[in-house]
PDB file of N, CA and C in Angstrom:
ATOM      1  N   MET A   1     107.270 146.253  -8.605  1.00  0.00           N
ATOM      2  CA  MET A   1     107.891 146.811  -9.296  1.00  0.00           C
ATOM      3  C   MET A   1     109.017 148.354  -8.735  1.00  0.00           C
ATOM      4  N   SER A   2     109.841 148.395  -8.327  1.00  0.00           N
ATOM      5  CA  SER A   2     110.347 149.604  -7.578  1.00  0.00           C
ATOM      6  C   SER A   2     111.130 150.585  -9.114  1.00  0.00           C
ATOM      7  N   PRO A   3     110.286 151.665  -9.191  1.00  0.00           N
ATOM      8  CA  PRO A   3     110.814 152.756  -9.936  1.00  0.00           C
ATOM      9  C   PRO A   3     112.326 152.986 -10.223  1.00  0.00           C
ATOM     10  N   LYS A   4     112.518 153.245 -11.458  1.00  0.00           N
ATOM     11  CA  LYS A   4     114.140 153.672 -12.074  1.00  0.00           C
ATOM     12  C   LYS A   4     114.876 154.300 -11.071  1.00  0.00           C
ATOM     13  N   PRO A   5     115.548 154.419 -10.545  1.00  0.00           N
ATOM     14  CA  PRO A   5     116.253 155.809 -10.563  1.00  0.00           C
ATOM     15  C   PRO A   5     116.620 157.337 -11.001  1.00  0.00           C
ATOM     16  N   VAL A   6     116.207 158.380 -10.572  1.00  0.00           N
ATOM     17  CA  VAL A   6     116.311 159.353 -11.664  1.00  0.00           C
ATOM     18  C   VAL A   6     117.065 159.273 -12.483  1.00  0.00           C
ATOM     19  N   SER A   7     118.344 158.975 -11.733  1.00  0.00           N
ATOM     20  CA  SER A   7     119.655 159.262 -13.060  1.00  0.00           C
ATOM     21  C   SER A   7     119.489 158.018 -14.038  1.00  0.00           C
ATOM     22  N   SER A   8     118.992 157.505 -14.343  1.00  0.00           N
ATOM     23  CA  SER A   8     119.410 156.987 -14.960  1.00  0.00           C
ATOM     24  C   SER A   8     118.104 156.285 -16.209  1.00  0.00           C
ATOM     25  N   SER A   9     117.390 157.649 -15.617  1.00  0.00           N
ATOM     26  CA  SER A   9     116.118 157.365 -16.625  1.00  0.00           C
ATOM     27  C   SER A   9     116.465 158.047 -18.450  1.00  0.00           C
ATOM     28  N   PRO A  10     116.557 157.194 -19.036  1.00  0.00           N
ATOM     29  CA  PRO A  10     117.238 158.145 -20.371  1.00  0.00           C
ATOM     30  C   PRO A  10     116.127 159.286 -20.443  1.00  0.00           C
ATOM     31  N   ARG A  11     115.311 160.316 -20.355  1.00  0.00           N
ATOM     32  CA  ARG A  11     114.216 161.029 -20.284  1.00  0.00           C
ATOM     33  C   ARG A  11     114.681 162.511 -19.750  1.00  0.00           C
ATOM     34  N   VAL A  12     115.717 162.400 -18.577  1.00  0.00           N
ATOM     35  CA  VAL A  12     116.242 162.993 -17.951  1.00  0.00           C
ATOM     36  C   VAL A  12     118.015 163.562 -18.505  1.00  0.00           C
ATOM     37  N   LEU A  13     117.436 165.000 -18.676  1.00  0.00           N
ATOM     38  CA  LEU A  13     118.840 165.591 -19.060  1.00  0.00           C
ATOM     39  C   LEU A  13     119.637 165.844 -18.389  1.00  0.00           C
ATOM     40  N   ARG A  14     121.071 165.315 -18.765  1.00  0.00           N
ATOM     41  CA  ARG A  14     122.107 165.445 -17.523  1.00  0.00           C
ATOM     42  C   ARG A  14     122.932 167.069 -18.126  1.00  0.00           C
ATOM     43  N   ARG A  15     123.276 167.475 -16.877  1.00  0.00           N
ATOM     44  CA  ARG A  15     124.173 168.529 -17.127  1.00  0.00           C
ATOM     45  C   ARG A  15     125.475 168.047 -16.505  1.00  0.00           C
ATOM     46  N   LEU A  16     126.166 168.867 -17.507  1.00  0.00           N
ATOM     47  CA  LEU A  16     127.715 168.712 -17.037  1.00  0.00           C
ATOM     48  C   LEU A  16     128.949 169.780 -16.728  1.00  0.00           C
ATOM     49  N   VAL A  17     129.726 169.336 -15.061  1.00  0.00           N
ATOM     50  CA  VAL A  17     130.689 170.282 -15.397  1.00  0.00           C
ATOM     51  C   VAL A  17     132.082 169.953 -15.377  1.00  0.00           C
ATOM     52  N   ILE A  18     132.037 170.387 -16.161  1.00  0.00           N
ATOM     53  CA  ILE A  18     133.924 170.042 -16.338  1.00  0.00           C
ATOM     54  C   ILE A  18     134.867 170.292 -16.140  1.00  0.00           C
ATOM     55  N   THR A  19     136.167 169.684 -14.795  1.00  0.00           N
ATOM     56  CA  THR A  19     137.210 169.979 -14.228  1.00  0.00           C
ATOM     57  C   THR A  19     138.689 170.053 -15.332  1.00  0.00           C
ATOM     58  N   VAL A  20     139.032 170.631 -15.489  1.00  0.00           N
ATOM     59  CA  VAL A  20     140.273 170.734 -16.160  1.00  0.00           C
ATOM     60  C   VAL A  20     141.687 171.029 -15.385  1.00  0.00           C
ATOM     61  N   CYS A  21     142.560 170.045 -14.745  1.00  0.00           N
ATOM     62  CA  CYS A  21     144.111 171.414 -13.791  1.00  0.00           C
ATOM     63  C   CYS A  21     144.779 171.568 -15.168  1.00  0.00           C
ATOM     64  N   PRO A  22     145.034 172.894 -14.633  1.00  0.00           N
ATOM     65  CA  PRO A  22     145.889 173.743 -15.882  1.00  0.00           C
ATOM     66  C   PRO A  22     147.169 173.765 -15.601  1.00  0.00           C
ATOM     67  N   ARG A  23     147.266 173.010 -13.763  1.00  0.00           N
ATOM     68  CA  ARG A  23     149.284 173.000 -13.660  1.00  0.00           C
ATOM     69  C   ARG A  23     149.439 172.190 -13.741  1.00  0.00           C
ATOM     70  N   GLU A  24     148.645 171.064 -13.884  1.00  0.00           N
ATOM     71  CA  GLU A  24     150.096 169.350 -14.098  1.00  0.00           C
ATOM     72  C   GLU A  24     150.078 169.368 -15.487  1.00  0.00           C
ATOM     73  N   LEU A  25     151.392 169.294 -15.681  1.00  0.00           N
ATOM     74  CA  LEU A  25     152.425 168.881 -16.712  1.00  0.00           C
ATOM     75  C   LEU A  25     152.447 167.829 -17.152  1.00  0.00           C
ATOM     76  N   GLY A  26     152.739 167.821 -18.351  1.00  0.00           N
ATOM     77  CA  GLY A  26     152.403 165.755 -19.343  1.00  0.00           C
ATOM     78  C   GLY A  26     151.230 166.376 -20.413  1.00  0.00           C
ATOM     79  N   MET A  27     151.378 165.277 -21.583  1.00  0.00           N
ATOM     80  CA  MET A  27     151.183 165.637 -22.361  1.00  0.00           C
ATOM     81  C   MET A  27     149.900 164.226 -22.526  1.00  0.00           C
ATOM     82  N   VAL A  28     148.943 164.286 -23.189  1.00  0.00           N
ATOM     83  CA  VAL A  28     148.280 163.057 -23.871  1.00  0.00           C
ATOM     84  C   VAL A  28     148.248 162.970 -25.762  1.00  0.00           C
ATOM     85  N   VAL A  29     148.263 162.091 -25.791  1.00  0.00           N
ATOM     86  CA  VAL A  29     147.824 162.265 -27.699  1.00  0.00           C
ATOM     87  C   VAL A  29     146.770 160.944 -28.051  1.00  0.00           C
ATOM     88  N   LEU A  30     145.658 162.550 -28.697  1.00  0.00           N
ATOM     89  CA  LEU A  30     144.692 161.852 -29.051  1.00  0.00           C
ATOM     90  C   LEU A  30     143.775 162.770 -29.691  1.00  0.00           C
ATOM     91  N   PRO A  31     143.019 162.022 -30.831  1.00  0.00           N
ATOM     92  CA  PRO A  31     142.037 162.774 -31.402  1.00  0.00           C
ATOM     93  C   PRO A  31     141.257 163.498 -30.741  1.00  0.00           C
ATOM     94  N   VAL A  32     140.933 164.616 -31.008  1.00  0.00           N
ATOM     95  CA  VAL A  32     139.692 165.687 -29.935  1.00  0.00           C
ATOM     96  C   VAL A  32     138.511 165.088 -30.460  1.00  0.00           C
ATOM     97  N   ASP A  33     137.744 164.748 -31.261  1.00  0.00           N
ATOM     98  CA  ASP A  33     136.773 163.822 -32.210  1.00  0.00           C
ATOM     99  C   ASP A  33     137.062 162.636 -32.651  1.00  0.00           C
ATOM    100  N   ARG A  34     136.307 161.567 -32.675  1.00  0.00           N
ATOM    101  CA  ARG A  34     136.222 160.039 -33.143  1.00  0.00           C
ATOM    102  C   ARG A  34     136.721 159.971 -34.664  1.00  0.00           C
ATOM    103  N   GLY A  35     137.897 159.663 -35.057  1.00  0.00           N
ATOM    104  CA  GLY A  35     138.161 159.446 -36.521  1.00  0.00           C
ATOM    105  C   GLY A  35     138.928 160.268 -36.626  1.00  0.00           C
ATOM    106  N   GLY A  36     139.896 161.153 -35.669  1.00  0.00           N
ATOM    107  CA  GLY A  36     140.483 162.452 -36.033  1.00  0.00           C
ATOM    108  C   GLY A  36     141.667 162.219 -35.875  1.00  0.00           C
ATOM    109  N   ARG A  37     142.520 162.647 -36.160  1.00  0.00           N
ATOM    110  CA  ARG A  37     143.942 162.606 -36.137  1.00  0.00           C
ATOM    111  C   ARG A  37     144.219 163.157 -34.761  1.00  0.00           C
ATOM    112  N   PRO A  38     145.134 162.176 -34.396  1.00  0.00           N
ATOM    113  CA  PRO A  38     145.326 162.074 -32.695  1.00  0.00           C
ATOM    114  C   PRO A  38     146.816 163.122 -33.134  1.00  0.00           C
ATOM    115  N   ARG A  39     146.536 164.276 -31.608  1.00  0.00           N
ATOM    116  CA  ARG A  39     147.237 165.267 -31.481  1.00  0.00           C
ATOM    117  C   ARG A  39     148.406 165.074 -30.311  1.00  0.00           C
ATOM    118  N   ARG A  40     148.832 165.918 -29.998  1.00  0.00           N
ATOM    119  CA  ARG A  40     149.538 166.399 -28.941  1.00  0.00           C
ATOM    120  C   ARG A  40     148.523 167.216 -27.785  1.00  0.00           C
ATOM    121  N   LEU A  41     147.764 166.979 -26.760  1.00  0.00           N
ATOM    122  CA  LEU A  41     146.883 168.112 -26.082  1.00  0.00           C
ATOM    123  C   LEU A  41     148.035 168.458 -24.144  1.00  0.00           C
ATOM    124  N   ASP A  42     148.459 169.210 -24.516  1.00  0.00           N
ATOM    125  CA  ASP A  42     148.275 169.821 -22.714  1.00  0.00           C
ATOM    126  C   ASP A  42     147.024 170.008 -21.939  1.00  0.00           C
ATOM    127  N   ALA A  43     146.745 170.252 -21.357  1.00  0.00           N
ATOM    128  CA  ALA A  43     145.846 170.393 -20.107  1.00  0.00           C
ATOM    129  C   ALA A  43     144.841 171.753 -20.690  1.00  0.00           C
ATOM    130  N   ALA A  44     145.721 172.537 -21.011  1.00  0.00           N
ATOM    131  CA  ALA A  44     145.208 173.719 -21.802  1.00  0.00           C
ATOM    132  C   ALA A  44     144.529 173.284 -23.239  1.00  0.00           C
ATOM    133  N   ALA A  45     145.276 172.385 -23.871  1.00  0.00           N
ATOM    134  CA  ALA A  45     144.531 172.185 -25.388  1.00  0.00           C
ATOM    135  C   ALA A  45     143.071 171.199 -25.363  1.00  0.00           C
ATOM    136  N   VAL A  46     143.312 170.337 -23.925  1.00  0.00           N
ATOM    137  CA  VAL A  46     142.265 169.318 -23.531  1.00  0.00           C
ATOM    138  C   VAL A  46     141.401 170.297 -23.024  1.00  0.00           C
ATOM    139  N   ALA A  47     141.322 171.523 -22.300  1.00  0.00           N
ATOM    140  CA  ALA A  47     140.316 172.439 -22.239  1.00  0.00           C
ATOM    141  C   ALA A  47     139.642 173.099 -23.148  1.00  0.00           C
ATOM    142  N   ARG A  48     140.612 173.322 -24.015  1.00  0.00           N
ATOM    143  CA  ARG A  48     140.526 174.035 -25.147  1.00  0.00           C
ATOM    144  C   ARG A  48     139.400 173.209 -26.091  1.00  0.00           C
ATOM    145  N   SER A  49     139.786 171.753 -26.705  1.00  0.00           N
ATOM    146  CA  SER A  49     138.942 171.076 -26.967  1.00  0.00           C
ATOM    147  C   SER A  49     137.754 171.092 -26.809  1.00  0.00           C
ATOM    148  N   LEU A  50     138.208 170.942 -25.438  1.00  0.00           N
ATOM    149  CA  LEU A  50     136.514 170.279 -25.007  1.00  0.00           C
ATOM    150  C   LEU A  50     134.832 171.362 -25.154  1.00  0.00           C
ATOM    151  N   ARG A  51     136.121 172.868 -24.992  1.00  0.00           N
ATOM    152  CA  ARG A  51     135.289 173.759 -25.657  1.00  0.00           C
ATOM    153  C   ARG A  51     134.601 173.972 -26.997  1.00  0.00           C
ATOM    154  N   ASP A  52     135.318 173.560 -27.350  1.00  0.00           N
ATOM    155  CA  ASP A  52     135.552 173.794 -28.900  1.00  0.00           C
ATOM    156  C   ASP A  52     134.110 172.758 -29.137  1.00  0.00           C
ATOM    157  N   LEU A  53     134.190 171.571 -28.989  1.00  0.00           N
ATOM    158  CA  LEU A  53     132.660 170.198 -29.197  1.00  0.00           C
ATOM    159  C   LEU A  53     131.762 170.726 -28.245  1.00  0.00           C
ATOM    160  N   VAL A  54     131.830 171.101 -26.663  1.00  0.00           N
ATOM    161  CA  VAL A  54     131.161 172.012 -26.919  1.00  0.00           C
ATOM    162  C   VAL A  54     130.042 173.052 -27.704  1.00  0.00           C
ATOM    163  N   ALA A  55     130.915 173.755 -28.200  1.00  0.00           N
ATOM    164  CA  ALA A  55     130.097 175.391 -28.824  1.00  0.00           C
ATOM    165  C   ALA A  55     129.776 174.564 -29.845  1.00  0.00           C
ATOM    166  N   ALA A  56     130.556 173.128 -30.523  1.00  0.00           N
ATOM    167  CA  ALA A  56     130.110 173.003 -32.448  1.00  0.00           C
ATOM    168  C   ALA A  56     128.454 171.775 -32.015  1.00  0.00           C
ATOM    169  N   ARG A  57     128.600 171.158 -30.453  1.00  0.00           N
ATOM    170  CA  ARG A  57     127.298 170.164 -30.634  1.00  0.00           C
ATOM    171  C   ARG A  57     126.648 170.771 -30.391  1.00  0.00           C
ATOM    172  N   ARG A  58     126.319 172.570 -29.873  1.00  0.00           N
ATOM    173  CA  ARG A  58     125.790 173.740 -28.992  1.00  0.00           C
ATOM    174  C   ARG A  58     124.806 172.442 -27.926  1.00  0.00           C
ATOM    175  N   LEU A  59     126.140 172.863 -27.263  1.00  0.00           N
ATOM    176  CA  LEU A  59     125.739 172.312 -25.559  1.00  0.00           C
ATOM    177  C   LEU A  59     125.910 173.035 -24.402  1.00  0.00           C
ATOM    178  N   ALA A  60     126.151 174.427 -24.423  1.00  0.00           N
ATOM    179  CA  ALA A  60     126.714 175.672 -23.833  1.00  0.00           C
ATOM    180  C   ALA A  60     125.786 175.502 -22.816  1.00  0.00           C
ATOM    181  N   GLY A  61     124.894 175.238 -22.460  1.00  0.00           N
ATOM    182  CA  GLY A  61     123.233 175.241 -21.737  1.00  0.00           C
ATOM    183  C   GLY A  61     123.668 173.585 -20.769  1.00  0.00           C
ATOM    184  N   ARG A  62     124.154 173.392 -20.918  1.00  0.00           N
ATOM    185  CA  ARG A  62     124.698 171.945 -20.424  1.00  0.00           C
ATOM    186  C   ARG A  62     125.805 171.397 -20.002  1.00  0.00           C
ATOM    187  N   VAL A  63     126.799 171.938 -20.517  1.00  0.00           N
ATOM    188  CA  VAL A  63     128.196 171.637 -20.472  1.00  0.00           C
ATOM    189  C   VAL A  63     128.988 172.924 -20.119  1.00  0.00           C
ATOM    190  N   CYS A  64     130.121 172.776 -18.744  1.00  0.00           N
ATOM    191  CA  CYS A  64     130.369 174.054 -18.812  1.00  0.00           C
ATOM    192  C   CYS A  64     131.779 172.789 -18.409  1.00  0.00           C
ATOM    193  N   VAL A  65     132.872 173.819 -18.995  1.00  0.00           N
ATOM    194  CA  VAL A  65     134.015 173.772 -19.129  1.00  0.00           C
ATOM    195  C   VAL A  65     135.172 174.507 -18.112  1.00  0.00           C
ATOM    196  N   ARG A  66     135.902 174.569 -17.065  1.00  0.00           N
ATOM    197  CA  ARG A  66     136.444 175.444 -16.400  1.00  0.00           C
ATOM    198  C   ARG A  66     137.541 174.653 -15.730  1.00  0.00           C
ATOM    199  N   GLU A  67     138.508 175.372 -15.453  1.00  0.00           N
ATOM    200  CA  GLU A  67     139.723 175.112 -14.814  1.00  0.00           C
ATOM    201  C   GLU A  67     139.812 174.817 -13.292  1.00  0.00           C
ATOM    202  N   GLY A  68     140.507 173.868 -12.941  1.00  0.00           N
ATOM    203  CA  GLY A  68     140.949 173.897 -11.420  1.00  0.00           C
ATOM    204  C   GLY A  68     141.151 172.754 -10.650  1.00  0.00           C
ATOM    205  N   CYS A  69     141.140 172.138  -9.578  1.00  0.00           N
ATOM    206  CA  CYS A  69     142.137 170.966  -9.113  1.00  0.00           C
ATOM    207  C   CYS A  69     140.841 169.145  -9.316  1.00  0.00           C
ATOM    208  N   ALA A  70     142.033 168.822 -10.644  1.00  0.00           N
ATOM    209  CA  ALA A  70     140.965 167.802 -10.641  1.00  0.00           C
ATOM    210  C   ALA A  70     141.571 166.241 -10.282  1.00  0.00           C
ATOM    211  N   GLY A  71     142.307 166.656  -9.531  1.00  0.00           N
ATOM    212  CA  GLY A  71     142.992 165.368  -7.971  1.00  0.00           C
ATOM    213  C   GLY A  71     144.054 164.600  -8.839  1.00  0.00           C
ATOM    214  N   GLY A  72     144.632 164.413  -8.833  1.00  0.00           N
ATOM    215  CA  GLY A  72     146.055 163.350  -8.918  1.00  0.00           C
ATOM    216  C   GLY A  72     146.954 164.466  -9.239  1.00  0.00           C
ATOM    217  N   CYS A  73     147.038 165.589  -8.240  1.00  0.00           N
ATOM    218  CA  CYS A  73     148.488 166.010  -8.553  1.00  0.00           C
ATOM    219  C   CYS A  73     149.833 164.892  -7.723  1.00  0.00           C
ATOM    220  N   GLY A  74     150.861 165.721  -8.598  1.00  0.00           N
ATOM    221  CA  GLY A  74     152.187 164.616  -8.301  1.00  0.00           C
ATOM    222  C   GLY A  74     152.589 164.041  -9.221  1.00  0.00           C
ATOM    223  N   ARG A  75     152.004 163.804 -10.327  1.00  0.00           N
ATOM    224  CA  ARG A  75     152.012 162.335 -11.855  1.00  0.00           C
ATOM    225  C   ARG A  75     151.520 163.667 -12.526  1.00  0.00           C
ATOM    226  N   ALA A  76     151.868 163.414 -13.485  1.00  0.00           N
ATOM    227  CA  ALA A  76     152.002 163.940 -14.711  1.00  0.00           C
ATOM    228  C   ALA A  76     150.420 164.409 -15.333  1.00  0.00           C
ATOM    229  N   GLY A  77     149.665 165.067 -15.468  1.00  0.00           N
ATOM    230  CA  GLY A  77     148.336 164.583 -16.387  1.00  0.00           C
ATOM    231  C   GLY A  77     148.534 164.375 -17.772  1.00  0.00           C
ATOM    232  N   PRO A  78     147.646 164.714 -18.933  1.00  0.00           N
ATOM    233  CA  PRO A  78     146.591 166.187 -17.756  1.00  0.00           C
ATOM    234  C   PRO A  78     145.533 165.119 -17.213  1.00  0.00           C
ATOM    235  N   ASN A  79     144.431 166.030 -16.177  1.00  0.00           N
ATOM    236  CA  ASN A  79     143.856 165.090 -15.095  1.00  0.00           C
ATOM    237  C   ASN A  79     142.567 165.985 -15.698  1.00  0.00           C
ATOM    238  N   VAL A  80     141.479 165.135 -15.704  1.00  0.00           N
ATOM    239  CA  VAL A  80     139.880 165.465 -15.560  1.00  0.00           C
ATOM    240  C   VAL A  80     138.584 165.280 -14.904  1.00  0.00           C
ATOM    241  N   ASP A  81     137.957 166.085 -14.673  1.00  0.00           N
ATOM    242  CA  ASP A  81     137.294 165.945 -13.055  1.00  0.00           C
ATOM    243  C   ASP A  81     136.096 166.328 -14.190  1.00  0.00           C
ATOM    244  N   VAL A  82     134.815 165.441 -14.348  1.00  0.00           N
ATOM    245  CA  VAL A  82     133.645 165.073 -14.400  1.00  0.00           C
ATOM    246  C   VAL A  82     132.405 165.529 -13.599  1.00  0.00           C
ATOM    247  N   ARG A  83     131.741 166.299 -12.797  1.00  0.00           N
ATOM    248  CA  ARG A  83     130.217 166.081 -12.323  1.00  0.00           C
ATOM    249  C   ARG A  83     129.331 166.036 -13.042  1.00  0.00           C
ATOM    250  N   VAL A  84     128.308 164.996 -13.018  1.00  0.00           N
ATOM    251  CA  VAL A  84     127.126 165.144 -13.671  1.00  0.00           C
ATOM    252  C   VAL A  84     125.747 165.899 -12.577  1.00  0.00           C
ATOM    253  N   HIS A  85     125.354 166.761 -13.246  1.00  0.00           N
ATOM    254  CA  HIS A  85     123.492 167.160 -12.523  1.00  0.00           C
ATOM    255  C   HIS A  85     122.579 166.563 -13.211  1.00  0.00           C
ATOM    256  N   LEU A  86     121.539 166.699 -12.753  1.00  0.00           N
ATOM    257  CA  LEU A  86     120.406 166.881 -13.578  1.00  0.00           C
ATOM    258  C   LEU A  86     120.338 168.498 -14.479  1.00  0.00           C
ATOM    259  N   VAL A  87     119.780 168.572 -15.051  1.00  0.00           N
ATOM    260  CA  VAL A  87     119.186 170.086 -15.869  1.00  0.00           C
ATOM    261  C   VAL A  87     118.175 170.429 -15.133  1.00  0.00           C
ATOM    262  N   ALA A  88     117.856 171.358 -15.116  1.00  0.00           N
ATOM    263  CA  ALA A  88     116.660 172.297 -13.956  1.00  0.00           C
ATOM    264  C   ALA A  88     115.593 172.068 -14.943  1.00  0.00           C
ATOM    265  N   ARG A  89     114.311 171.513 -14.383  1.00  0.00           N
ATOM    266  CA  ARG A  89     113.011 171.813 -15.412  1.00  0.00           C
ATOM    267  C   ARG A  89     112.810 173.604 -15.652  1.00  0.00           C
ATOM    268  N   PRO A  90     111.861 173.829 -16.639  1.00  0.00           N
ATOM    269  CA  PRO A  90     112.097 175.098 -16.900  1.00  0.00           C
ATOM    270  C   PRO A  90     111.408 175.751 -15.670  1.00  0.00           C
ATOM    271  N   GLY A  91     111.749 177.529 -15.173  1.00  0.00           N
ATOM    272  CA  GLY A  91     111.667 178.469 -14.111  1.00  0.00           C
ATOM    273  C   GLY A  91     112.154 177.542 -12.741  1.00  0.00           C
ATOM    274  N   ALA A  92     112.846 176.422 -12.739  1.00  0.00           N
ATOM    275  CA  ALA A  92     112.910 175.930 -11.735  1.00  0.00           C
ATOM    276  C   ALA A  92     114.825 176.223 -11.307  1.00  0.00           C
ATOM    277  N   LYS A  93     115.001 176.343 -10.028  1.00  0.00           N
ATOM    278  CA  LYS A  93     116.373 177.225 -10.054  1.00  0.00           C
ATOM    279  C   LYS A  93     117.657 175.627 -10.104  1.00  0.00           C
ATOM    280  N   LEU A  94     118.757 176.243 -10.787  1.00  0.00           N
ATOM    281  CA  LEU A  94     119.647 174.802 -10.890  1.00  0.00           C
ATOM    282  C   LEU A  94     120.527 174.388  -9.332  1.00  0.00           C
ATOM    283  N   ASP A  95     120.331 172.830  -9.449  1.00  0.00           N
ATOM    284  CA  ASP A  95     120.534 172.249  -8.015  1.00  0.00           C
ATOM    285  C   ASP A  95     122.252 171.985  -8.519  1.00  0.00           C
ATOM    286  N   HIS A  96     123.522 171.806  -7.115  1.00  0.00           N
ATOM    287  CA  HIS A  96     124.495 171.984  -7.352  1.00  0.00           C
ATOM    288  C   HIS A  96     124.846 170.581  -6.914  1.00  0.00           C
ATOM    289  N   VAL A  97     124.133 169.700  -6.946  1.00  0.00           N
ATOM    290  CA  VAL A  97     124.420 168.289  -6.542  1.00  0.00           C
ATOM    291  C   VAL A  97     124.368 167.272  -6.887  1.00  0.00           C
ATOM    292  N   ALA A  98     125.460 166.604  -6.939  1.00  0.00           N
ATOM    293  CA  ALA A  98     125.984 165.947  -8.736  1.00  0.00           C
ATOM    294  C   ALA A  98     125.715 164.154  -8.304  1.00  0.00           C
ATOM    295  N   ILE A  99     124.947 164.367  -9.484  1.00  0.00           N
ATOM    296  CA  ILE A  99     124.828 162.180  -9.080  1.00  0.00           C
ATOM    297  C   ILE A  99     125.095 161.942  -9.471  1.00  0.00           C
ATOM    298  N   ASP A 100     126.330 162.049 -10.158  1.00  0.00           N
ATOM    299  CA  ASP A 100     127.110 161.160 -10.781  1.00  0.00           C
ATOM    300  C   ASP A 100     128.571 161.951 -10.897  1.00  0.00           C
ATOM    301  N   TRP A 101     129.557 161.084 -11.084  1.00  0.00           N
ATOM    302  CA  TRP A 101     130.787 161.730 -11.030  1.00  0.00           C
ATOM    303  C   TRP A 101     131.998 160.807 -11.798  1.00  0.00           C
ATOM    304  N   LYS A 102     133.206 161.084 -12.512  1.00  0.00           N
ATOM    305  CA  LYS A 102     133.617 160.421 -13.431  1.00  0.00           C
ATOM    306  C   LYS A 102     135.105 161.283 -13.226  1.00  0.00           C
ATOM    307  N   THR A 103     136.326 160.807 -12.983  1.00  0.00           N
ATOM    308  CA  THR A 103     137.664 161.386 -12.775  1.00  0.00           C
ATOM    309  C   THR A 103     138.182 160.435 -14.037  1.00  0.00           C
ATOM    310  N   TYR A 104     139.040 161.410 -14.450  1.00  0.00           N
ATOM    311  CA  TYR A 104     140.232 160.598 -15.848  1.00  0.00           C
ATOM    312  C   TYR A 104     141.398 161.748 -15.457  1.00  0.00           C
ATOM    313  N   VAL A 105     141.912 160.257 -13.818  1.00  0.00           N
ATOM    314  CA  VAL A 105     142.746 161.013 -13.430  1.00  0.00           C
ATOM    315  C   VAL A 105     144.025 159.675 -13.908  1.00  0.00           C
ATOM    316  N   TYR A 106     145.281 160.129 -14.829  1.00  0.00           N
ATOM    317  CA  TYR A 106     146.215 159.035 -15.141  1.00  0.00           C
ATOM    318  C   TYR A 106     145.222 158.162 -16.235  1.00  0.00           C
ATOM    319  N   SER A 107     143.983 158.415 -16.790  1.00  0.00           N
ATOM    320  CA  SER A 107     143.737 157.753 -17.502  1.00  0.00           C
ATOM    321  C   SER A 107     143.358 157.594 -18.995  1.00  0.00           C
ATOM    322  N   LEU A 108     143.387 159.359 -19.534  1.00  0.00           N
ATOM    323  CA  LEU A 108     142.823 160.233 -20.396  1.00  0.00           C
ATOM    324  C   LEU A 108     143.002 159.190 -21.791  1.00  0.00           C
ATOM    325  N   ALA A 109     144.732 159.300 -21.474  1.00  0.00           N
ATOM    326  CA  ALA A 109     144.955 158.227 -22.650  1.00  0.00           C
ATOM    327  C   ALA A 109     144.521 156.832 -23.106  1.00  0.00           C
ATOM    328  N   SER A 110     143.820 156.692 -21.876  1.00  0.00           N
ATOM    329  CA  SER A 110     143.260 155.174 -22.453  1.00  0.00           C
ATOM    330  C   SER A 110     141.810 155.362 -23.746  1.00  0.00           C
ATOM    331  N   LEU A 111     141.646 156.717 -23.496  1.00  0.00           N
ATOM    332  CA  LEU A 111     140.207 156.933 -24.511  1.00  0.00           C
ATOM    333  C   LEU A 111     140.556 157.099 -25.946  1.00  0.00           C
ATOM    334  N   ASP A 112     139.852 156.594 -26.656  1.00  0.00           N
ATOM    335  CA  ASP A 112     139.256 156.966 -28.510  1.00  0.00           C
ATOM    336  C   ASP A 112     139.763 157.966 -28.969  1.00  0.00           C
ATOM    337  N   CYS A 113     139.278 159.462 -27.782  1.00  0.00           N
ATOM    338  CA  CYS A 113     139.492 160.395 -28.665  1.00  0.00           C
ATOM    339  C   CYS A 113     138.565 161.641 -27.406  1.00  0.00           C
ATOM    340  N   VAL A 114     138.573 162.769 -27.465  1.00  0.00           N
ATOM    341  CA  VAL A 114     138.396 163.998 -26.700  1.00  0.00           C
ATOM    342  C   VAL A 114     137.248 163.382 -26.322  1.00  0.00           C
ATOM    343  N   ALA A 115     135.980 163.502 -27.388  1.00  0.00           N
ATOM    344  CA  ALA A 115     134.979 163.563 -26.894  1.00  0.00           C
ATOM    345  C   ALA A 115     134.388 162.649 -26.431  1.00  0.00           C
ATOM    346  N   THR A 116     135.130 161.541 -26.578  1.00  0.00           N
ATOM    347  CA  THR A 116     134.253 160.632 -25.105  1.00  0.00           C
ATOM    348  C   THR A 116     133.932 160.809 -23.795  1.00  0.00           C
ATOM    349  N   ILE A 117     134.732 162.465 -23.631  1.00  0.00           N
ATOM    350  CA  ILE A 117     134.613 162.774 -22.201  1.00  0.00           C
ATOM    351  C   ILE A 117     132.928 163.296 -22.180  1.00  0.00           C
ATOM    352  N   LEU A 118     132.266 163.699 -23.724  1.00  0.00           N
ATOM    353  CA  LEU A 118     131.142 163.995 -23.501  1.00  0.00           C
ATOM    354  C   LEU A 118     130.376 162.732 -23.156  1.00  0.00           C
ATOM    355  N   ASP A 119     130.699 161.786 -24.570  1.00  0.00           N
ATOM    356  CA  ASP A 119     129.099 161.283 -24.821  1.00  0.00           C
ATOM    357  C   ASP A 119     129.443 160.242 -23.469  1.00  0.00           C
ATOM    358  N   GLU A 120     130.283 159.582 -22.920  1.00  0.00           N
ATOM    359  CA  GLU A 120     130.331 158.849 -21.580  1.00  0.00           C
ATOM    360  C   GLU A 120     129.218 159.331 -21.102  1.00  0.00           C
ATOM    361  N   ASN A 121     129.438 160.858 -20.739  1.00  0.00           N
ATOM    362  CA  ASN A 121     128.855 161.572 -19.448  1.00  0.00           C
ATOM    363  C   ASN A 121     127.622 162.141 -19.449  1.00  0.00           C
ATOM    364  N   LEU A 122     127.205 162.266 -20.858  1.00  0.00           N
ATOM    365  CA  LEU A 122     125.585 162.821 -21.356  1.00  0.00           C
ATOM    366  C   LEU A 122     125.084 162.570 -21.104  1.00  0.00           C
ATOM    367  N   SER A 123     125.179 161.027 -20.839  1.00  0.00           N
ATOM    368  CA  SER A 123     124.104 159.715 -21.726  1.00  0.00           C
ATOM    369  C   SER A 123     124.546 158.444 -20.157  1.00  0.00           C
ATOM    370  N   PRO A 124     122.663 158.632 -19.688  1.00  0.00           N
ATOM    371  CA  PRO A 124     122.922 157.719 -18.697  1.00  0.00           C
ATOM    372  C   PRO A 124     123.099 156.440 -18.908  1.00  0.00           C
ATOM    373  N   ALA A 125     123.733 155.632 -17.907  1.00  0.00           N
ATOM    374  CA  ALA A 125     124.014 154.238 -17.515  1.00  0.00           C
ATOM    375  C   ALA A 125     123.165 153.765 -18.343  1.00  0.00           C
ATOM    376  N   GLU A 126     122.949 152.707 -18.409  1.00  0.00           N
ATOM    377  CA  GLU A 126     121.837 151.712 -18.896  1.00  0.00           C
ATOM    378  C   GLU A 126     122.057 150.237 -18.035  1.00  0.00           C
TER     379      GLU A 126
END
């Protein structure tokens, strides 16, 4: 029996680097949290909402939200890119090799809420 890949082990903590492109115009209408009221969000509001969720969930050590190119230039956003890394073991240096990634280019409006970005990517795929 072969061992499970490291990235799919439920005991391995994931670290996210989420990039939101601030240059893409456009809006999405989504609640920030599941069950919340839908709001009109541009790229800046999506980034702010993600930062607020990270703070509320005390995930600052595992999730970084930054501005930068998320792909999908040329059409209305907002667009989001997520890179998944392993959390470094105590005393070990962080590595910057992604074990997984997902983009929400032109698909952000299909989510049930902004928090889904965190939920989908912090949990390993089964």
